[in-house]
Amino acid sequence: MHPWPDLRSILEGIDWMIIGGVATRAYMPERVTKDLDILVDRTDGPEVIERMKKAGYLVVSELAVPGYLLCSAEGIEIDVLFGRYRWLKEAFAQPQYFPNLAGLTLGGSITATTP
């Protein structure tokens, strides 16, 4: 199991959720993935990037979809995706916590969805 960073203190007060390959661990065995994907509302995107930079993450590149690839000093890659979807506020309002993800937050029915 990969030691994913706990971003809760960095992103406190901002709605965010884990999506993609790591999120699927809540439902099946972990699949190999090299990065952690998180989804934030597009309006929170700049604030999220600034907080991540202050926490020591480096912006590596802009993604092909709205968002950025960041990297920790330990080499852990995080894709921060900026979403603007009708269902996003509802998903943020219904977080699910899973012990096998070290208490990290997944969003409702969109946990394995890539925006």
C-alpha atoms as a PDB file:
ATOM      1  CA  MET A   1       0.000   0.000   0.000  1.00  0.00           C
ATOM      2  CA  HIS A   2       1.317   3.437  -0.955  1.00  0.00           C
ATOM      3  CA  PRO A   3       1.691   5.988   1.894  1.00  0.00           C
ATOM      4  CA  TRP A   4      -0.497   8.791   0.549  1.00  0.00           C
ATOM      5  CA  PRO A   5      -0.225  12.182   2.263  1.00  0.00           C
ATOM      6  CA  ASP A   6      -3.009  13.388   4.544  1.00  0.00           C
ATOM      7  CA  LEU A   7      -4.059  16.704   3.001  1.00  0.00           C
ATOM      8  CA  ARG A   8      -6.822  17.508   5.514  1.00  0.00           C
ATOM      9  CA  SER A   9      -4.868  20.135   7.452  1.00  0.00           C
ATOM     10  CA  ILE A  10      -3.560  21.795   4.273  1.00  0.00           C
ATOM     11  CA  LEU A  11      -7.018  22.021   2.689  1.00  0.00           C
ATOM     12  CA  GLU A  12      -9.044  22.685   5.842  1.00  0.00           C
ATOM     13  CA  GLY A  13     -12.139  24.744   5.044  1.00  0.00           C
ATOM     14  CA  ILE A  14     -12.063  23.852   1.326  1.00  0.00           C
ATOM     15  CA  ASP A  15     -14.281  21.131  -0.143  1.00  0.00           C
ATOM     16  CA  TRP A  16     -12.216  18.427  -1.845  1.00  0.00           C
ATOM     17  CA  MET A  17     -12.356  14.709  -2.460  1.00  0.00           C
ATOM     18  CA  ILE A  18     -10.160  11.856  -3.579  1.00  0.00           C
ATOM     19  CA  ILE A  19     -11.018  10.455  -6.999  1.00  0.00           C
ATOM     20  CA  GLY A  20      -9.386   8.071  -9.459  1.00  0.00           C
ATOM     21  CA  GLY A  21      -7.312   5.006  -8.720  1.00  0.00           C
ATOM     22  CA  VAL A  22      -6.773   5.617  -5.001  1.00  0.00           C
ATOM     23  CA  ALA A  23     -10.510   6.130  -4.475  1.00  0.00           C
ATOM     24  CA  THR A  24     -11.251   2.702  -5.906  1.00  0.00           C
ATOM     25  CA  ARG A  25      -9.497   1.160  -2.852  1.00  0.00           C
ATOM     26  CA  ALA A  26     -12.706   1.757  -0.919  1.00  0.00           C
ATOM     27  CA  TYR A  27     -14.404  -0.836  -3.122  1.00  0.00           C
ATOM     28  CA  MET A  28     -11.724  -3.288  -4.265  1.00  0.00           C
ATOM     29  CA  PRO A  29      -8.054  -4.145  -3.739  1.00  0.00           C
ATOM     30  CA  GLU A  30      -5.606  -1.350  -4.416  1.00  0.00           C
ATOM     31  CA  ARG A  31      -4.537  -0.993  -7.999  1.00  0.00           C
ATOM     32  CA  VAL A  32      -1.125   0.308  -8.901  1.00  0.00           C
ATOM     33  CA  THR A  33      -1.169   4.042  -9.389  1.00  0.00           C
ATOM     34  CA  LYS A  34       1.628   6.550  -9.164  1.00  0.00           C
ATOM     35  CA  ASP A  35      -0.381   9.567  -8.119  1.00  0.00           C
ATOM     36  CA  LEU A  36      -3.197  10.765  -5.897  1.00  0.00           C
ATOM     37  CA  ASP A  37      -6.046  12.523  -7.715  1.00  0.00           C
ATOM     38  CA  ILE A  38      -8.132  15.083  -5.864  1.00  0.00           C
ATOM     39  CA  LEU A  39     -11.060  17.112  -7.135  1.00  0.00           C
ATOM     40  CA  VAL A  40     -11.881  20.635  -6.004  1.00  0.00           C
ATOM     41  CA  ASP A  41     -14.395  23.180  -7.192  1.00  0.00           C
ATOM     42  CA  ARG A  42     -12.900  25.283  -9.959  1.00  0.00           C
ATOM     43  CA  THR A  43     -13.422  28.464  -7.912  1.00  0.00           C
ATOM     44  CA  ASP A  44     -11.248  27.018  -5.117  1.00  0.00           C
ATOM     45  CA  GLY A  45      -8.485  25.901  -7.474  1.00  0.00           C
ATOM     46  CA  PRO A  46      -6.102  28.864  -7.094  1.00  0.00           C
ATOM     47  CA  GLU A  47      -6.395  28.775  -3.281  1.00  0.00           C
ATOM     48  CA  VAL A  48      -5.723  25.022  -3.225  1.00  0.00           C
ATOM     49  CA  ILE A  49      -2.592  25.422  -5.352  1.00  0.00           C
ATOM     50  CA  GLU A  50      -1.316  28.242  -3.134  1.00  0.00           C
ATOM     51  CA  ARG A  51      -1.861  26.198   0.033  1.00  0.00           C
ATOM     52  CA  MET A  52      -0.147  23.191  -1.480  1.00  0.00           C
ATOM     53  CA  LYS A  53       2.838  25.318  -2.477  1.00  0.00           C
ATOM     54  CA  LYS A  54       3.053  26.767   1.036  1.00  0.00           C
ATOM     55  CA  ALA A  55       3.035  23.195   2.357  1.00  0.00           C
ATOM     56  CA  GLY A  56       6.097  22.364   0.242  1.00  0.00           C
ATOM     57  CA  TYR A  57       4.553  20.938  -2.923  1.00  0.00           C
ATOM     58  CA  LEU A  58       5.995  22.022  -6.259  1.00  0.00           C
ATOM     59  CA  VAL A  59       3.859  22.716  -9.308  1.00  0.00           C
ATOM     60  CA  VAL A  60       5.215  20.414 -12.005  1.00  0.00           C
ATOM     61  CA  SER A  61       2.858  21.160 -14.876  1.00  0.00           C
ATOM     62  CA  GLU A  62      -0.614  22.102 -15.958  1.00  0.00           C
ATOM     63  CA  LEU A  63      -2.820  19.101 -16.772  1.00  0.00           C
ATOM     64  CA  ALA A  64      -4.608  18.460 -20.078  1.00  0.00           C
ATOM     65  CA  VAL A  65      -7.859  18.968 -18.143  1.00  0.00           C
ATOM     66  CA  PRO A  66      -8.314  21.949 -15.798  1.00  0.00           C
ATOM     67  CA  GLY A  67      -5.853  21.487 -12.947  1.00  0.00           C
ATOM     68  CA  TYR A  68      -2.219  20.902 -12.058  1.00  0.00           C
ATOM     69  CA  LEU A  69       0.263  18.159 -11.259  1.00  0.00           C
ATOM     70  CA  LEU A  70       2.115  18.800  -8.009  1.00  0.00           C
ATOM     71  CA  CYS A  71       4.935  16.875  -6.358  1.00  0.00           C
ATOM     72  CA  SER A  72       5.985  16.611  -2.717  1.00  0.00           C
ATOM     73  CA  ALA A  73       9.585  16.687  -1.533  1.00  0.00           C
ATOM     74  CA  GLU A  74       9.250  12.904  -1.108  1.00  0.00           C
ATOM     75  CA  GLY A  75       8.323  12.509  -4.771  1.00  0.00           C
ATOM     76  CA  ILE A  76       4.600  11.871  -4.250  1.00  0.00           C
ATOM     77  CA  GLU A  77       2.622  13.189  -7.207  1.00  0.00           C
ATOM     78  CA  ILE A  78      -0.812  14.755  -6.738  1.00  0.00           C
ATOM     79  CA  ASP A  79      -3.152  15.720  -9.563  1.00  0.00           C
ATOM     80  CA  VAL A  80      -5.375  18.577  -8.420  1.00  0.00           C
ATOM     81  CA  LEU A  81      -8.344  18.677 -10.790  1.00  0.00           C
ATOM     82  CA  PHE A  82     -10.616  21.701 -10.981  1.00  0.00           C
ATOM     83  CA  GLY A  83     -14.254  20.760 -11.512  1.00  0.00           C
ATOM     84  CA  ARG A  84     -17.351  22.691 -12.463  1.00  0.00           C
ATOM     85  CA  TYR A  85     -20.175  20.179 -12.373  1.00  0.00           C
ATOM     86  CA  ARG A  86     -23.816  20.447 -11.310  1.00  0.00           C
ATOM     87  CA  TRP A  87     -23.417  17.482  -8.945  1.00  0.00           C
ATOM     88  CA  LEU A  88     -20.226  18.674  -7.245  1.00  0.00           C
ATOM     89  CA  LYS A  89     -21.791  20.597  -4.338  1.00  0.00           C
ATOM     90  CA  GLU A  90     -24.091  17.663  -3.591  1.00  0.00           C
ATOM     91  CA  ALA A  91     -21.158  15.234  -3.641  1.00  0.00           C
ATOM     92  CA  PHE A  92     -19.135  17.443  -1.293  1.00  0.00           C
ATOM     93  CA  ALA A  93     -22.136  17.577   1.059  1.00  0.00           C
ATOM     94  CA  GLN A  94     -22.155  13.759   1.335  1.00  0.00           C
ATOM     95  CA  PRO A  95     -18.580  12.761   2.199  1.00  0.00           C
ATOM     96  CA  GLN A  96     -17.746   9.141   2.894  1.00  0.00           C
ATOM     97  CA  TYR A  97     -14.893   8.143   5.181  1.00  0.00           C
ATOM     98  CA  PHE A  98     -13.097   4.851   4.757  1.00  0.00           C
ATOM     99  CA  PRO A  99     -10.705   3.427   7.359  1.00  0.00           C
ATOM    100  CA  ASN A 100      -8.648   1.647   4.694  1.00  0.00           C
ATOM    101  CA  LEU A 101      -7.844   5.067   3.218  1.00  0.00           C
ATOM    102  CA  ALA A 102      -6.499   6.389   6.544  1.00  0.00           C
ATOM    103  CA  GLY A 103      -9.685   8.390   7.085  1.00  0.00           C
ATOM    104  CA  LEU A 104      -9.317  10.367   3.875  1.00  0.00           C
ATOM    105  CA  THR A 105     -12.462  11.651   2.197  1.00  0.00           C
ATOM    106  CA  LEU A 106     -14.105  10.220  -0.877  1.00  0.00           C
ATOM    107  CA  GLY A 107     -17.041  11.909  -2.508  1.00  0.00           C
ATOM    108  CA  GLY A 108     -20.413  10.195  -2.793  1.00  0.00           C
ATOM    109  CA  SER A 109     -20.997   8.187  -5.939  1.00  0.00           C
ATOM    110  CA  ILE A 110     -18.211   9.828  -7.904  1.00  0.00           C
ATOM    111  CA  THR A 111     -15.241   8.274  -6.154  1.00  0.00           C
ATOM    112  CA  ALA A 112     -13.880   6.480  -9.182  1.00  0.00           C
ATOM    113  CA  THR A 113     -14.781   9.141 -11.699  1.00  0.00           C
ATOM    114  CA  THR A 114     -12.223  11.217 -13.521  1.00  0.00           C
ATOM    115  CA  PRO A 115     -13.624  14.625 -14.477  1.00  0.00           C
END
